[in-house]
Amino acid sequence: MKTSTQQDLVYALRRRGVAENMIPGLLKEADEKSLSLGDQFSVSDFVSGVPRGTDLSKGAKIGRIAAVFILVGIAAQLFLSGVLGVHLGFPGVLYYYGAVLVGLSVLVFSAYRVDRKLPLP
């Protein structure tokens, strides 16, 4: 099985809430199945046969941190302007929200990369 297919499979399993310690065994099982099915092997079909779990992946945890990050960023701006009366001006607000957007983008991208990372054998 190609590495990109393995990464897609691992990502789908983590999104499904499968426990991290079960992923290597499922990856091996999928590899055997893909050898027998060839081009007819489908990641989505394989994953649909795996029971849904309750674990949060590292990427999901990073995603929650990203959500808190954006909420804190917006709340801080509202607090500065509404309660303290500190106005950053239009360019300042653009820079502020631009920085929050860049931070949020980094968190979301890293969450995606973490969830696609193959487990150690």
PDB file of N, CA and C in Angstrom:
ATOM      1  N   MET A   1       0.849  -1.172   0.000  1.00  0.00           N
ATOM      2  CA  MET A   1       0.000   0.000   0.000  1.00  0.00           C
ATOM      3  C   MET A   1       0.895   1.236   0.000  1.00  0.00           C
ATOM      4  N   LYS A   2       0.537   2.219  -0.812  1.00  0.00           N
ATOM      5  CA  LYS A   2       1.333   3.437  -0.896  1.00  0.00           C
ATOM      6  C   LYS A   2       1.250   4.230   0.410  1.00  0.00           C
ATOM      7  N   THR A   3       2.273   5.017   0.651  1.00  0.00           N
ATOM      8  CA  THR A   3       2.336   5.817   1.871  1.00  0.00           C
ATOM      9  C   THR A   3       1.174   6.791   1.954  1.00  0.00           C
ATOM     10  N   SER A   4       0.797   7.411   0.850  1.00  0.00           N
ATOM     11  CA  SER A   4      -0.306   8.367   0.882  1.00  0.00           C
ATOM     12  C   SER A   4      -1.625   7.676   1.238  1.00  0.00           C
ATOM     13  N   THR A   5      -1.817   6.463   0.767  1.00  0.00           N
ATOM     14  CA  THR A   5      -3.016   5.708   1.114  1.00  0.00           C
ATOM     15  C   THR A   5      -3.002   5.340   2.587  1.00  0.00           C
ATOM     16  N   GLN A   6      -1.830   4.971   3.096  1.00  0.00           N
ATOM     17  CA  GLN A   6      -1.708   4.670   4.522  1.00  0.00           C
ATOM     18  C   GLN A   6      -2.019   5.913   5.357  1.00  0.00           C
ATOM     19  N   GLN A   7      -1.514   7.064   4.923  1.00  0.00           N
ATOM     20  CA  GLN A   7      -1.787   8.308   5.645  1.00  0.00           C
ATOM     21  C   GLN A   7      -3.275   8.648   5.614  1.00  0.00           C
ATOM     22  N   ASP A   8      -3.915   8.441   4.469  1.00  0.00           N
ATOM     23  CA  ASP A   8      -5.359   8.677   4.377  1.00  0.00           C
ATOM     24  C   ASP A   8      -6.114   7.752   5.326  1.00  0.00           C
ATOM     25  N   LEU A   9      -5.678   6.509   5.385  1.00  0.00           N
ATOM     26  CA  LEU A   9      -6.322   5.532   6.254  1.00  0.00           C
ATOM     27  C   LEU A   9      -6.149   5.899   7.725  1.00  0.00           C
ATOM     28  N   VAL A  10      -4.935   6.242   8.107  1.00  0.00           N
ATOM     29  CA  VAL A  10      -4.659   6.616   9.500  1.00  0.00           C
ATOM     30  C   VAL A  10      -5.463   7.861   9.880  1.00  0.00           C
ATOM     31  N   TYR A  11      -5.512   8.833   8.970  1.00  0.00           N
ATOM     32  CA  TYR A  11      -6.278  10.051   9.226  1.00  0.00           C
ATOM     33  C   TYR A  11      -7.762   9.725   9.430  1.00  0.00           C
ATOM     34  N   ALA A  12      -8.320   8.869   8.559  1.00  0.00           N
ATOM     35  CA  ALA A  12      -9.731   8.506   8.663  1.00  0.00           C
ATOM     36  C   ALA A  12     -10.013   7.739   9.955  1.00  0.00           C
ATOM     37  N   LEU A  13      -9.098   6.862  10.350  1.00  0.00           N
ATOM     38  CA  LEU A  13      -9.284   6.106  11.591  1.00  0.00           C
ATOM     39  C   LEU A  13      -9.246   7.035  12.805  1.00  0.00           C
ATOM     40  N   ARG A  14      -8.321   7.966  12.810  1.00  0.00           N
ATOM     41  CA  ARG A  14      -8.237   8.907  13.934  1.00  0.00           C
ATOM     42  C   ARG A  14      -9.464   9.801  13.994  1.00  0.00           C
ATOM     43  N   ARG A  15      -9.957  10.227  12.842  1.00  0.00           N
ATOM     44  CA  ARG A  15     -11.170  11.048  12.806  1.00  0.00           C
ATOM     45  C   ARG A  15     -12.378  10.252  13.297  1.00  0.00           C
ATOM     46  N   ARG A  16     -12.326   8.944  13.133  1.00  0.00           N
ATOM     47  CA  ARG A  16     -13.414   8.071  13.573  1.00  0.00           C
ATOM     48  C   ARG A  16     -13.334   7.782  15.068  1.00  0.00           C
ATOM     49  N   GLY A  17     -12.268   8.198  15.723  1.00  0.00           N
ATOM     50  CA  GLY A  17     -12.145   8.022  17.165  1.00  0.00           C
ATOM     51  C   GLY A  17     -11.552   6.693  17.584  1.00  0.00           C
ATOM     52  N   VAL A  18     -10.901   6.010  16.654  1.00  0.00           N
ATOM     53  CA  VAL A  18     -10.282   4.718  16.964  1.00  0.00           C
ATOM     54  C   VAL A  18      -9.099   4.955  17.900  1.00  0.00           C
ATOM     55  N   ALA A  19      -8.961   4.081  18.890  1.00  0.00           N
ATOM     56  CA  ALA A  19      -7.866   4.196  19.857  1.00  0.00           C
ATOM     57  C   ALA A  19      -6.522   4.080  19.140  1.00  0.00           C
ATOM     58  N   GLU A  20      -5.571   4.851  19.594  1.00  0.00           N
ATOM     59  CA  GLU A  20      -4.250   4.911  18.952  1.00  0.00           C
ATOM     60  C   GLU A  20      -3.547   3.559  18.960  1.00  0.00           C
ATOM     61  N   ASN A  21      -3.749   2.760  20.012  1.00  0.00           N
ATOM     62  CA  ASN A  21      -3.071   1.465  20.076  1.00  0.00           C
ATOM     63  C   ASN A  21      -3.665   0.432  19.108  1.00  0.00           C
ATOM     64  N   MET A  22      -4.847   0.697  18.547  1.00  0.00           N
ATOM     65  CA  MET A  22      -5.465  -0.218  17.585  1.00  0.00           C
ATOM     66  C   MET A  22      -5.074   0.101  16.142  1.00  0.00           C
ATOM     67  N   ILE A  23      -4.550   1.278  15.904  1.00  0.00           N
ATOM     68  CA  ILE A  23      -4.263   1.728  14.537  1.00  0.00           C
ATOM     69  C   ILE A  23      -3.204   0.865  13.841  1.00  0.00           C
ATOM     70  N   PRO A  24      -2.073   0.506  14.486  1.00  0.00           N
ATOM     71  CA  PRO A  24      -1.094  -0.333  13.771  1.00  0.00           C
ATOM     72  C   PRO A  24      -1.672  -1.667  13.301  1.00  0.00           C
ATOM     73  N   GLY A  25      -2.498  -2.323  14.121  1.00  0.00           N
ATOM     74  CA  GLY A  25      -3.110  -3.578  13.721  1.00  0.00           C
ATOM     75  C   GLY A  25      -4.084  -3.401  12.561  1.00  0.00           C
ATOM     76  N   LEU A  26      -4.871  -2.321  12.610  1.00  0.00           N
ATOM     77  CA  LEU A  26      -5.808  -2.046  11.518  1.00  0.00           C
ATOM     78  C   LEU A  26      -5.068  -1.676  10.239  1.00  0.00           C
ATOM     79  N   LEU A  27      -3.940  -1.014  10.386  1.00  0.00           N
ATOM     80  CA  LEU A  27      -3.128  -0.657   9.231  1.00  0.00           C
ATOM     81  C   LEU A  27      -2.570  -1.916   8.557  1.00  0.00           C
ATOM     82  N   LYS A  28      -2.142  -2.858   9.367  1.00  0.00           N
ATOM     83  CA  LYS A  28      -1.632  -4.127   8.829  1.00  0.00           C
ATOM     84  C   LYS A  28      -2.759  -4.902   8.145  1.00  0.00           C
ATOM     85  N   GLU A  29      -3.929  -4.920   8.778  1.00  0.00           N
ATOM     86  CA  GLU A  29      -5.082  -5.604   8.195  1.00  0.00           C
ATOM     87  C   GLU A  29      -5.485  -4.963   6.861  1.00  0.00           C
ATOM     88  N   ALA A  30      -5.459  -3.635   6.808  1.00  0.00           N
ATOM     89  CA  ALA A  30      -5.799  -2.928   5.565  1.00  0.00           C
ATOM     90  C   ALA A  30      -4.763  -3.194   4.489  1.00  0.00           C
ATOM     91  N   ASP A  31      -3.499  -3.311   4.887  1.00  0.00           N
ATOM     92  CA  ASP A  31      -2.445  -3.606   3.916  1.00  0.00           C
ATOM     93  C   ASP A  31      -2.661  -4.976   3.285  1.00  0.00           C
ATOM     94  N   GLU A  32      -3.014  -5.955   4.107  1.00  0.00           N
ATOM     95  CA  GLU A  32      -3.285  -7.297   3.591  1.00  0.00           C
ATOM     96  C   GLU A  32      -4.507  -7.287   2.668  1.00  0.00           C
ATOM     97  N   LYS A  33      -5.523  -6.541   3.072  1.00  0.00           N
ATOM     98  CA  LYS A  33      -6.739  -6.462   2.264  1.00  0.00           C
ATOM     99  C   LYS A  33      -6.467  -5.764   0.936  1.00  0.00           C
ATOM    100  N   SER A  34      -5.622  -4.728   0.958  1.00  0.00           N
ATOM    101  CA  SER A  34      -5.315  -4.006  -0.286  1.00  0.00           C
ATOM    102  C   SER A  34      -4.496  -4.876  -1.236  1.00  0.00           C
ATOM    103  N   LEU A  35      -3.667  -5.772  -0.689  1.00  0.00           N
ATOM    104  CA  LEU A  35      -2.913  -6.692  -1.542  1.00  0.00           C
ATOM    105  C   LEU A  35      -3.842  -7.664  -2.264  1.00  0.00           C
ATOM    106  N   SER A  36      -4.880  -8.119  -1.558  1.00  0.00           N
ATOM    107  CA  SER A  36      -5.800  -9.067  -2.180  1.00  0.00           C
ATOM    108  C   SER A  36      -6.785  -8.385  -3.127  1.00  0.00           C
ATOM    109  N   LEU A  37      -7.196  -7.134  -2.817  1.00  0.00           N
ATOM    110  CA  LEU A  37      -8.176  -6.444  -3.655  1.00  0.00           C
ATOM    111  C   LEU A  37      -7.549  -5.611  -4.768  1.00  0.00           C
ATOM    112  N   GLY A  38      -6.307  -5.227  -4.598  1.00  0.00           N
ATOM    113  CA  GLY A  38      -5.624  -4.412  -5.607  1.00  0.00           C
ATOM    114  C   GLY A  38      -6.233  -3.022  -5.710  1.00  0.00           C
ATOM    115  N   ASP A  39      -6.580  -2.616  -6.932  1.00  0.00           N
ATOM    116  CA  ASP A  39      -7.115  -1.266  -7.164  1.00  0.00           C
ATOM    117  C   ASP A  39      -8.527  -1.082  -6.629  1.00  0.00           C
ATOM    118  N   GLN A  40      -9.186  -2.155  -6.266  1.00  0.00           N
ATOM    119  CA  GLN A  40     -10.548  -2.060  -5.760  1.00  0.00           C
ATOM    120  C   GLN A  40     -10.596  -1.720  -4.277  1.00  0.00           C
ATOM    121  N   PHE A  41      -9.443  -1.666  -3.621  1.00  0.00           N
ATOM    122  CA  PHE A  41      -9.408  -1.319  -2.196  1.00  0.00           C
ATOM    123  C   PHE A  41      -9.785   0.143  -2.012  1.00  0.00           C
ATOM    124  N   SER A  42     -10.678   0.401  -1.088  1.00  0.00           N
ATOM    125  CA  SER A  42     -11.117   1.763  -0.800  1.00  0.00           C
ATOM    126  C   SER A  42     -10.943   2.052   0.691  1.00  0.00           C
ATOM    127  N   VAL A  43     -10.302   3.162   0.988  1.00  0.00           N
ATOM    128  CA  VAL A  43     -10.085   3.561   2.379  1.00  0.00           C
ATOM    129  C   VAL A  43     -11.421   3.765   3.076  1.00  0.00           C
ATOM    130  N   SER A  44     -12.342   4.446   2.419  1.00  0.00           N
ATOM    131  CA  SER A  44     -13.633   4.734   3.050  1.00  0.00           C
ATOM    132  C   SER A  44     -14.424   3.457   3.332  1.00  0.00           C
ATOM    133  N   ASP A  45     -14.345   2.485   2.422  1.00  0.00           N
ATOM    134  CA  ASP A  45     -15.032   1.213   2.660  1.00  0.00           C
ATOM    135  C   ASP A  45     -14.424   0.473   3.848  1.00  0.00           C
ATOM    136  N   PHE A  46     -13.100   0.476   3.930  1.00  0.00           N
ATOM    137  CA  PHE A  46     -12.437  -0.199   5.041  1.00  0.00           C
ATOM    138  C   PHE A  46     -12.786   0.464   6.364  1.00  0.00           C
ATOM    139  N   VAL A  47     -12.721   1.789   6.387  1.00  0.00           N
ATOM    140  CA  VAL A  47     -12.971   2.530   7.626  1.00  0.00           C
ATOM    141  C   VAL A  47     -14.423   2.388   8.072  1.00  0.00           C
ATOM    142  N   SER A  48     -15.344   2.282   7.127  1.00  0.00           N
ATOM    143  CA  SER A  48     -16.757   2.143   7.500  1.00  0.00           C
ATOM    144  C   SER A  48     -17.015   0.822   8.230  1.00  0.00           C
ATOM    145  N   GLY A  49     -16.158  -0.172   8.031  1.00  0.00           N
ATOM    146  CA  GLY A  49     -16.298  -1.443   8.721  1.00  0.00           C
ATOM    147  C   GLY A  49     -15.674  -1.470  10.102  1.00  0.00           C
ATOM    148  N   VAL A  50     -14.992  -0.400  10.475  1.00  0.00           N
ATOM    149  CA  VAL A  50     -14.334  -0.326  11.781  1.00  0.00           C
ATOM    150  C   VAL A  50     -15.294   0.363  12.758  1.00  0.00           C
ATOM    151  N   PRO A  51     -15.497  -0.230  13.940  1.00  0.00           N
ATOM    152  CA  PRO A  51     -16.392   0.403  14.913  1.00  0.00           C
ATOM    153  C   PRO A  51     -15.890   1.793  15.327  1.00  0.00           C
ATOM    154  N   ARG A  52     -16.829   2.702  15.498  1.00  0.00           N
ATOM    155  CA  ARG A  52     -16.505   4.071  15.909  1.00  0.00           C
ATOM    156  C   ARG A  52     -16.001   4.053  17.347  1.00  0.00           C
ATOM    157  N   GLY A  53     -14.952   4.821  17.599  1.00  0.00           N
ATOM    158  CA  GLY A  53     -14.377   4.896  18.934  1.00  0.00           C
ATOM    159  C   GLY A  53     -14.717   6.210  19.621  1.00  0.00           C
ATOM    160  N   THR A  54     -14.153   6.395  20.794  1.00  0.00           N
ATOM    161  CA  THR A  54     -14.435   7.611  21.565  1.00  0.00           C
ATOM    162  C   THR A  54     -13.182   8.440  21.831  1.00  0.00           C
ATOM    163  N   ASP A  55     -12.045   7.995  21.345  1.00  0.00           N
ATOM    164  CA  ASP A  55     -10.800   8.724  21.590  1.00  0.00           C
ATOM    165  C   ASP A  55     -10.727   9.992  20.744  1.00  0.00           C
ATOM    166  N   LEU A  56     -10.121  11.019  21.326  1.00  0.00           N
ATOM    167  CA  LEU A  56      -9.829  12.241  20.576  1.00  0.00           C
ATOM    168  C   LEU A  56      -8.408  12.144  20.051  1.00  0.00           C
ATOM    169  N   SER A  57      -8.236  12.414  18.786  1.00  0.00           N
ATOM    170  CA  SER A  57      -6.891  12.384  18.219  1.00  0.00           C
ATOM    171  C   SER A  57      -6.124  13.627  18.659  1.00  0.00           C
ATOM    172  N   LYS A  58      -4.807  13.590  18.466  1.00  0.00           N
ATOM    173  CA  LYS A  58      -3.989  14.758  18.785  1.00  0.00           C
ATOM    174  C   LYS A  58      -4.408  15.950  17.937  1.00  0.00           C
ATOM    175  N   GLY A  59      -4.753  15.683  16.685  1.00  0.00           N
ATOM    176  CA  GLY A  59      -5.204  16.749  15.798  1.00  0.00           C
ATOM    177  C   GLY A  59      -6.496  17.391  16.280  1.00  0.00           C
ATOM    178  N   ALA A  60      -7.428  16.570  16.800  1.00  0.00           N
ATOM    179  CA  ALA A  60      -8.684  17.108  17.341  1.00  0.00           C
ATOM    180  C   ALA A  60      -8.412  17.966  18.569  1.00  0.00           C
ATOM    181  N   LYS A  61      -7.448  17.538  19.372  1.00  0.00           N
ATOM    182  CA  LYS A  61      -7.090  18.340  20.554  1.00  0.00           C
ATOM    183  C   LYS A  61      -6.475  19.671  20.131  1.00  0.00           C
ATOM    184  N   ILE A  62      -5.627  19.636  19.112  1.00  0.00           N
ATOM    185  CA  ILE A  62      -5.045  20.880  18.590  1.00  0.00           C
ATOM    186  C   ILE A  62      -6.143  21.751  18.001  1.00  0.00           C
ATOM    187  N   GLY A  63      -7.131  21.137  17.345  1.00  0.00           N
ATOM    188  CA  GLY A  63      -8.262  21.883  16.796  1.00  0.00           C
ATOM    189  C   GLY A  63      -9.053  22.591  17.884  1.00  0.00           C
ATOM    190  N   ARG A  64      -9.218  21.941  19.002  1.00  0.00           N
ATOM    191  CA  ARG A  64      -9.909  22.589  20.133  1.00  0.00           C
ATOM    192  C   ARG A  64      -9.091  23.748  20.678  1.00  0.00           C
ATOM    193  N   ILE A  65      -7.785  23.571  20.712  1.00  0.00           N
ATOM    194  CA  ILE A  65      -6.920  24.684  21.133  1.00  0.00           C
ATOM    195  C   ILE A  65      -7.058  25.835  20.159  1.00  0.00           C
ATOM    196  N   ALA A  66      -7.160  25.535  18.865  1.00  0.00           N
ATOM    197  CA  ALA A  66      -7.339  26.573  17.849  1.00  0.00           C
ATOM    198  C   ALA A  66      -8.650  27.326  18.070  1.00  0.00           C
ATOM    199  N   ALA A  67      -9.705  26.603  18.417  1.00  0.00           N
ATOM    200  CA  ALA A  67     -10.996  27.246  18.678  1.00  0.00           C
ATOM    201  C   ALA A  67     -10.897  28.183  19.885  1.00  0.00           C
ATOM    202  N   VAL A  68     -10.221  27.728  20.935  1.00  0.00           N
ATOM    203  CA  VAL A  68     -10.024  28.584  22.107  1.00  0.00           C
ATOM    204  C   VAL A  68      -9.172  29.791  21.729  1.00  0.00           C
ATOM    205  N   PHE A  69      -8.150  29.556  20.911  1.00  0.00           N
ATOM    206  CA  PHE A  69      -7.253  30.630  20.474  1.00  0.00           C
ATOM    207  C   PHE A  69      -8.022  31.736  19.755  1.00  0.00           C
ATOM    208  N   ILE A  70      -8.906  31.368  18.838  1.00  0.00           N
ATOM    209  CA  ILE A  70      -9.649  32.374  18.095  1.00  0.00           C
ATOM    210  C   ILE A  70     -10.645  33.086  19.012  1.00  0.00           C
ATOM    211  N   LEU A  71     -11.275  32.350  19.921  1.00  0.00           N
ATOM    212  CA  LEU A  71     -12.214  32.990  20.852  1.00  0.00           C
ATOM    213  C   LEU A  71     -11.503  33.959  21.793  1.00  0.00           C
ATOM    214  N   VAL A  72     -10.338  33.577  22.285  1.00  0.00           N
ATOM    215  CA  VAL A  72      -9.564  34.470  23.150  1.00  0.00           C
ATOM    216  C   VAL A  72      -9.108  35.694  22.367  1.00  0.00           C
ATOM    217  N   GLY A  73      -8.719  35.494  21.114  1.00  0.00           N
ATOM    218  CA  GLY A  73      -8.310  36.621  20.276  1.00  0.00           C
ATOM    219  C   GLY A  73      -9.427  37.623  20.065  1.00  0.00           C
ATOM    220  N   ILE A  74     -10.608  37.133  19.776  1.00  0.00           N
ATOM    221  CA  ILE A  74     -11.754  38.028  19.573  1.00  0.00           C
ATOM    222  C   ILE A  74     -12.147  38.690  20.890  1.00  0.00           C
ATOM    223  N   ALA A  75     -12.169  37.908  21.969  1.00  0.00           N
ATOM    224  CA  ALA A  75     -12.529  38.465  23.279  1.00  0.00           C
ATOM    225  C   ALA A  75     -11.531  39.532  23.721  1.00  0.00           C
ATOM    226  N   ALA A  76     -10.264  39.324  23.454  1.00  0.00           N
ATOM    227  CA  ALA A  76      -9.254  40.319  23.841  1.00  0.00           C
ATOM    228  C   ALA A  76      -9.464  41.627  23.088  1.00  0.00           C
ATOM    229  N   GLN A  77      -9.761  41.537  21.797  1.00  0.00           N
ATOM    230  CA  GLN A  77     -10.016  42.747  21.014  1.00  0.00           C
ATOM    231  C   GLN A  77     -11.264  43.467  21.522  1.00  0.00           C
ATOM    232  N   LEU A  78     -12.320  42.713  21.808  1.00  0.00           N
ATOM    233  CA  LEU A  78     -13.548  43.325  22.329  1.00  0.00           C
ATOM    234  C   LEU A  78     -13.316  43.942  23.701  1.00  0.00           C
ATOM    235  N   PHE A  79     -12.522  43.288  24.537  1.00  0.00           N
ATOM    236  CA  PHE A  79     -12.209  43.819  25.859  1.00  0.00           C
ATOM    237  C   PHE A  79     -11.405  45.108  25.746  1.00  0.00           C
ATOM    238  N   LEU A  80     -10.404  45.102  24.871  1.00  0.00           N
ATOM    239  CA  LEU A  80      -9.582  46.308  24.700  1.00  0.00           C
ATOM    240  C   LEU A  80     -10.408  47.493  24.227  1.00  0.00           C
ATOM    241  N   SER A  81     -11.242  47.279  23.246  1.00  0.00           N
ATOM    242  CA  SER A  81     -11.992  48.403  22.684  1.00  0.00           C
ATOM    243  C   SER A  81     -13.227  48.746  23.507  1.00  0.00           C
ATOM    244  N   GLY A  82     -13.936  47.746  24.029  1.00  0.00           N
ATOM    245  CA  GLY A  82     -15.189  48.010  24.731  1.00  0.00           C
ATOM    246  C   GLY A  82     -15.017  48.435  26.168  1.00  0.00           C
ATOM    247  N   VAL A  83     -14.142  47.769  26.904  1.00  0.00           N
ATOM    248  CA  VAL A  83     -14.003  48.032  28.336  1.00  0.00           C
ATOM    249  C   VAL A  83     -12.909  49.055  28.610  1.00  0.00           C
ATOM    250  N   LEU A  84     -11.760  48.897  28.004  1.00  0.00           N
ATOM    251  CA  LEU A  84     -10.639  49.787  28.283  1.00  0.00           C
ATOM    252  C   LEU A  84     -10.612  51.010  27.382  1.00  0.00           C
ATOM    253  N   GLY A  85     -11.374  50.975  26.321  1.00  0.00           N
ATOM    254  CA  GLY A  85     -11.407  52.115  25.405  1.00  0.00           C
ATOM    255  C   GLY A  85     -10.147  52.268  24.572  1.00  0.00           C
ATOM    256  N   VAL A  86      -9.360  51.232  24.453  1.00  0.00           N
ATOM    257  CA  VAL A  86      -8.148  51.270  23.645  1.00  0.00           C
ATOM    258  C   VAL A  86      -8.536  50.907  22.214  1.00  0.00           C
ATOM    259  N   HIS A  87      -8.359  51.829  21.305  1.00  0.00           N
ATOM    260  CA  HIS A  87      -8.695  51.575  19.914  1.00  0.00           C
ATOM    261  C   HIS A  87      -7.411  51.479  19.107  1.00  0.00           C
ATOM    262  N   LEU A  88      -7.272  50.396  18.406  1.00  0.00           N
ATOM    263  CA  LEU A  88      -6.061  50.155  17.635  1.00  0.00           C
ATOM    264  C   LEU A  88      -6.087  50.859  16.289  1.00  0.00           C
ATOM    265  N   GLY A  89      -7.217  51.401  15.929  1.00  0.00           N
ATOM    266  CA  GLY A  89      -7.355  52.004  14.610  1.00  0.00           C
ATOM    267  C   GLY A  89      -7.567  50.921  13.579  1.00  0.00           C
ATOM    268  N   PHE A  90      -7.982  51.306  12.402  1.00  0.00           N
ATOM    269  CA  PHE A  90      -8.288  50.315  11.364  1.00  0.00           C
ATOM    270  C   PHE A  90      -7.070  49.475  10.984  1.00  0.00           C
ATOM    271  N   PRO A  91      -5.889  50.090  10.732  1.00  0.00           N
ATOM    272  CA  PRO A  91      -4.726  49.245  10.399  1.00  0.00           C
ATOM    273  C   PRO A  91      -4.322  48.332  11.560  1.00  0.00           C
ATOM    274  N   GLY A  92      -4.436  48.836  12.767  1.00  0.00           N
ATOM    275  CA  GLY A  92      -4.080  48.031  13.937  1.00  0.00           C
ATOM    276  C   GLY A  92      -4.984  46.827  14.101  1.00  0.00           C
ATOM    277  N   VAL A  93      -6.283  47.027  13.857  1.00  0.00           N
ATOM    278  CA  VAL A  93      -7.227  45.919  13.946  1.00  0.00           C
ATOM    279  C   VAL A  93      -6.942  44.890  12.864  1.00  0.00           C
ATOM    280  N   LEU A  94      -6.606  45.375  11.659  1.00  0.00           N
ATOM    281  CA  LEU A  94      -6.262  44.449  10.579  1.00  0.00           C
ATOM    282  C   LEU A  94      -5.019  43.636  10.923  1.00  0.00           C
ATOM    283  N   TYR A  95      -4.008  44.293  11.482  1.00  0.00           N
ATOM    284  CA  TYR A  95      -2.799  43.564  11.891  1.00  0.00           C
ATOM    285  C   TYR A  95      -3.122  42.562  12.995  1.00  0.00           C
ATOM    286  N   TYR A  96      -3.950  42.989  13.941  1.00  0.00           N
ATOM    287  CA  TYR A  96      -4.310  42.125  15.072  1.00  0.00           C
ATOM    288  C   TYR A  96      -5.027  40.872  14.577  1.00  0.00           C
ATOM    289  N   TYR A  97      -6.080  41.068  13.793  1.00  0.00           N
ATOM    290  CA  TYR A  97      -6.829  39.916  13.293  1.00  0.00           C
ATOM    291  C   TYR A  97      -6.023  39.117  12.277  1.00  0.00           C
ATOM    292  N   GLY A  98      -5.124  39.761  11.568  1.00  0.00           N
ATOM    293  CA  GLY A  98      -4.228  39.040  10.669  1.00  0.00           C
ATOM    294  C   GLY A  98      -3.322  38.100  11.451  1.00  0.00           C
ATOM    295  N   ALA A  99      -2.798  38.582  12.576  1.00  0.00           N
ATOM    296  CA  ALA A  99      -1.946  37.740  13.417  1.00  0.00           C
ATOM    297  C   ALA A  99      -2.745  36.575  14.001  1.00  0.00           C
ATOM    298  N   VAL A 100      -3.981  36.842  14.423  1.00  0.00           N
ATOM    299  CA  VAL A 100      -4.834  35.772  14.951  1.00  0.00           C
ATOM    300  C   VAL A 100      -5.122  34.755  13.853  1.00  0.00           C
ATOM    301  N   LEU A 101      -5.382  35.226  12.648  1.00  0.00           N
ATOM    302  CA  LEU A 101      -5.666  34.327  11.529  1.00  0.00           C
ATOM    303  C   LEU A 101      -4.450  33.472  11.168  1.00  0.00           C
ATOM    304  N   VAL A 102      -3.273  34.066  11.193  1.00  0.00           N
ATOM    305  CA  VAL A 102      -2.050  33.306  10.916  1.00  0.00           C
ATOM    306  C   VAL A 102      -1.837  32.241  11.991  1.00  0.00           C
ATOM    307  N   GLY A 103      -2.016  32.615  13.253  1.00  0.00           N
ATOM    308  CA  GLY A 103      -1.877  31.644  14.341  1.00  0.00           C
ATOM    309  C   GLY A 103      -2.878  30.519  14.225  1.00  0.00           C
ATOM    310  N   LEU A 104      -4.100  30.854  13.873  1.00  0.00           N
ATOM    311  CA  LEU A 104      -5.136  29.850  13.699  1.00  0.00           C
ATOM    312  C   LEU A 104      -4.806  28.926  12.530  1.00  0.00           C
ATOM    313  N   SER A 105      -4.317  29.488  11.448  1.00  0.00           N
ATOM    314  CA  SER A 105      -3.951  28.680  10.279  1.00  0.00           C
ATOM    315  C   SER A 105      -2.827  27.703  10.616  1.00  0.00           C
ATOM    316  N   VAL A 106      -1.855  28.153  11.372  1.00  0.00           N
ATOM    317  CA  VAL A 106      -0.745  27.277  11.777  1.00  0.00           C
ATOM    318  C   VAL A 106      -1.268  26.128  12.635  1.00  0.00           C
ATOM    319  N   LEU A 107      -2.178  26.426  13.550  1.00  0.00           N
ATOM    320  CA  LEU A 107      -2.731  25.373  14.402  1.00  0.00           C
ATOM    321  C   LEU A 107      -3.538  24.358  13.592  1.00  0.00           C
ATOM    322  N   VAL A 108      -4.362  24.835  12.678  1.00  0.00           N
ATOM    323  CA  VAL A 108      -5.184  23.924  11.875  1.00  0.00           C
ATOM    324  C   VAL A 108      -4.307  23.062  10.967  1.00  0.00           C
ATOM    325  N   PHE A 109      -3.301  23.671  10.329  1.00  0.00           N
ATOM    326  CA  PHE A 109      -2.405  22.908   9.461  1.00  0.00           C
ATOM    327  C   PHE A 109      -1.630  21.861  10.258  1.00  0.00           C
ATOM    328  N   SER A 110      -1.143  22.239  11.442  1.00  0.00           N
ATOM    329  CA  SER A 110      -0.395  21.270  12.242  1.00  0.00           C
ATOM    330  C   SER A 110      -1.308  20.156  12.743  1.00  0.00           C
ATOM    331  N   ALA A 111      -2.572  20.449  13.034  1.00  0.00           N
ATOM    332  CA  ALA A 111      -3.515  19.410  13.452  1.00  0.00           C
ATOM    333  C   ALA A 111      -3.709  18.396  12.334  1.00  0.00           C
ATOM    334  N   TYR A 112      -3.841  18.877  11.115  1.00  0.00           N
ATOM    335  CA  TYR A 112      -4.007  17.992   9.966  1.00  0.00           C
ATOM    336  C   TYR A 112      -2.769  17.117   9.776  1.00  0.00           C
ATOM    337  N   ARG A 113      -1.598  17.723   9.886  1.00  0.00           N
ATOM    338  CA  ARG A 113      -0.348  16.970   9.705  1.00  0.00           C
ATOM    339  C   ARG A 113      -0.165  15.923  10.801  1.00  0.00           C
ATOM    340  N   VAL A 114      -0.518  16.272  12.030  1.00  0.00           N
ATOM    341  CA  VAL A 114      -0.363  15.333  13.143  1.00  0.00           C
ATOM    342  C   VAL A 114      -1.274  14.129  12.963  1.00  0.00           C
ATOM    343  N   ASP A 115      -2.496  14.349  12.499  1.00  0.00           N
ATOM    344  CA  ASP A 115      -3.425  13.240  12.333  1.00  0.00           C
ATOM    345  C   ASP A 115      -3.078  12.346  11.145  1.00  0.00           C
ATOM    346  N   ARG A 116      -2.309  12.824  10.200  1.00  0.00           N
ATOM    347  CA  ARG A 116      -1.902  12.006   9.051  1.00  0.00           C
ATOM    348  C   ARG A 116      -0.594  11.269   9.293  1.00  0.00           C
ATOM    349  N   LYS A 117       0.069  11.555  10.397  1.00  0.00           N
ATOM    350  CA  LYS A 117       1.357  10.929  10.685  1.00  0.00           C
ATOM    351  C   LYS A 117       1.162   9.444  10.972  1.00  0.00           C
ATOM    352  N   LEU A 118       1.965   8.627  10.324  1.00  0.00           N
ATOM    353  CA  LEU A 118       1.877   7.178  10.496  1.00  0.00           C
ATOM    354  C   LEU A 118       2.426   6.784  11.874  1.00  0.00           C
ATOM    355  N   PRO A 119       1.779   5.805  12.533  1.00  0.00           N
ATOM    356  CA  PRO A 119       2.281   5.346  13.831  1.00  0.00           C
ATOM    357  C   PRO A 119       3.602   4.607  13.662  1.00  0.00           C
ATOM    358  N   LEU A 120       4.380   4.610  14.711  1.00  0.00           N
ATOM    359  CA  LEU A 120       5.632   3.864  14.694  1.00  0.00           C
ATOM    360  C   LEU A 120       5.331   2.374  14.730  1.00  0.00           C
ATOM    361  N   PRO A 121       6.113   1.581  14.002  1.00  0.00           N
ATOM    362  CA  PRO A 121       5.844   0.126  13.969  1.00  0.00           C
ATOM    363  C   PRO A 121       6.080  -0.561  15.286  1.00  0.00           C
TER     364      PRO A 121
END
